[in-house]
Amino acid sequence: MSKGFIRLDRDLAQGERWRSLSANARALLIDIWGWYNGHNNGRIRYSIQQAQDALRCSRMTAIRTLAELRTAGMIEETERGGFRYKVGARIGVSSSWRITLLPDAPAPGSKSK
């Protein structure tokens, strides 16, 4: 996680979308937002296990909370995670996410200002 702060604008915090979220969804959005480094929106790697750890909840609650954030339009999955198999091992890969409230990451190979 990068150092710095997460800016929660008053317009967002007092807005209908934010207020319609459960407490778990608000907490999870802030945790995912903590992995944003200013350049990786759309490529924020975040797993169900990380959500479980952040919320101290069951796997199903973590899955439901991610779904709630997706339904509310706060996050979008840009790359689906899953498991790959190598000789003798199963390797997990986290999904990539985009926080819709933040600017998109620059395209690979592009120069950012």
Protein backbone atom coordinates (compact mmCIF):
# COMPACT_ATOMS: atom_id res chain seq x y z
CA MET A 1 0.00 0.00 0.00
CA SER A 2 1.32 3.45 -0.85
CA LYS A 3 1.82 6.27 1.62
CA GLY A 4 -0.33 9.35 1.50
CA PHE A 5 -4.00 9.88 2.06
CA ILE A 6 -7.35 9.01 0.53
CA ARG A 7 -9.39 12.06 -0.36
CA LEU A 8 -13.04 11.55 0.40
CA ASP A 9 -14.72 14.64 -1.01
CA ARG A 10 -17.73 16.04 0.81
CA ASP A 11 -19.79 15.78 -2.37
CA LEU A 12 -19.14 12.03 -2.44
CA ALA A 13 -19.61 11.49 1.31
CA GLN A 14 -22.94 13.33 1.28
CA GLY A 15 -24.07 11.89 -2.04
CA GLU A 16 -26.81 9.37 -2.56
CA ARG A 17 -24.53 6.65 -3.97
CA TRP A 18 -22.26 6.73 -0.90
CA ARG A 19 -25.15 6.85 1.55
CA SER A 20 -26.84 3.90 -0.15
CA LEU A 21 -23.81 1.67 0.53
CA SER A 22 -23.61 -0.61 3.53
CA ALA A 23 -20.93 0.06 6.14
CA ASN A 24 -18.99 -2.95 4.82
CA ALA A 25 -19.07 -1.59 1.27
CA ARG A 26 -17.84 1.83 2.40
CA ALA A 27 -15.01 0.25 4.38
CA LEU A 28 -14.05 -2.02 1.49
CA LEU A 29 -14.04 0.82 -1.04
CA ILE A 30 -11.67 2.77 1.20
CA ASP A 31 -9.43 -0.29 1.56
CA ILE A 32 -9.29 -0.86 -2.21
CA TRP A 33 -8.69 2.87 -2.70
CA GLY A 34 -5.66 2.52 -0.42
CA TRP A 35 -3.98 0.41 -3.12
CA TYR A 36 -4.35 3.21 -5.69
CA ASN A 37 -0.97 4.88 -6.24
CA GLY A 38 -1.99 7.64 -8.64
CA HIS A 39 -1.13 5.60 -11.74
CA ASN A 40 -2.74 2.18 -11.43
CA ASN A 41 -6.49 2.73 -11.67
CA GLY A 42 -7.83 -0.12 -13.76
CA ARG A 43 -4.89 -2.24 -12.63
CA ILE A 44 -5.49 -2.31 -8.87
CA ARG A 45 -4.93 -5.94 -7.87
CA TYR A 46 -7.32 -6.90 -5.08
CA SER A 47 -8.47 -10.36 -4.05
CA ILE A 48 -11.42 -11.81 -2.19
CA GLN A 49 -8.95 -12.88 0.51
CA GLN A 50 -7.81 -9.25 0.91
CA ALA A 51 -11.46 -8.22 1.24
CA GLN A 52 -12.00 -10.90 3.90
CA ASP A 53 -8.97 -9.68 5.82
CA ALA A 54 -9.98 -6.02 5.56
CA LEU A 55 -13.54 -6.62 6.71
CA ARG A 56 -12.74 -9.53 9.05
CA CYS A 57 -15.60 -11.44 7.49
CA SER A 58 -16.49 -14.67 5.70
CA ARG A 59 -15.69 -15.35 2.07
CA MET A 60 -19.36 -14.98 1.09
CA THR A 61 -19.66 -11.59 2.83
CA ALA A 62 -16.55 -10.40 0.99
CA ILE A 63 -17.97 -11.59 -2.34
CA ARG A 64 -21.34 -9.93 -1.64
CA THR A 65 -19.64 -6.68 -0.63
CA LEU A 66 -17.56 -6.57 -3.82
CA ALA A 67 -20.76 -7.23 -5.78
CA GLU A 68 -22.48 -4.38 -3.92
CA LEU A 69 -19.69 -1.98 -4.94
CA ARG A 70 -19.93 -3.17 -8.55
CA THR A 71 -23.72 -2.80 -8.62
CA ALA A 72 -23.44 0.72 -7.15
CA GLY A 73 -21.01 1.61 -9.95
CA MET A 74 -18.15 2.39 -7.56
CA ILE A 75 -15.75 -0.24 -8.96
CA GLU A 76 -15.37 -2.22 -12.16
CA GLU A 77 -13.47 -5.43 -12.67
CA THR A 78 -11.02 -4.88 -15.53
CA GLU A 79 -9.34 -8.29 -15.43
CA ARG A 80 -10.75 -11.45 -13.91
CA GLY A 81 -8.59 -13.25 -11.36
CA GLY A 82 -8.32 -16.98 -11.04
CA PHE A 83 -5.97 -19.87 -10.63
CA ARG A 84 -3.28 -21.19 -12.91
CA TYR A 85 -1.51 -24.48 -12.55
CA LYS A 86 2.21 -24.96 -12.81
CA VAL A 87 4.04 -28.19 -12.20
CA GLY A 88 2.97 -29.28 -8.74
CA ALA A 89 1.44 -25.94 -7.69
CA ARG A 90 -1.73 -23.92 -7.99
CA ILE A 91 -1.03 -20.19 -8.32
CA GLY A 92 -3.70 -17.59 -7.56
CA VAL A 93 -3.96 -14.31 -9.45
CA SER A 94 -6.06 -11.46 -8.04
CA SER A 95 -8.61 -9.60 -10.13
CA SER A 96 -7.78 -6.08 -11.34
CA TRP A 97 -10.14 -3.26 -10.46
CA ARG A 98 -10.93 0.28 -11.50
CA ILE A 99 -12.39 2.75 -9.02
CA THR A 100 -14.90 4.71 -11.08
CA LEU A 101 -14.47 7.83 -8.94
CA LEU A 102 -10.81 8.18 -9.98
CA PRO A 103 -9.07 8.96 -13.27
CA ASP A 104 -8.13 5.97 -15.41
CA ALA A 105 -4.61 4.67 -15.58
CA PRO A 106 -2.64 5.77 -18.65
CA ALA A 107 -2.47 3.23 -21.45
CA PRO A 108 0.66 1.04 -21.36
CA GLY A 109 3.51 2.78 -23.17
CA SER A 110 1.87 6.23 -23.07
CA LYS A 111 3.53 9.21 -21.46
CA SER A 112 1.61 10.72 -18.55
CA LYS A 113 1.73 14.43 -17.82
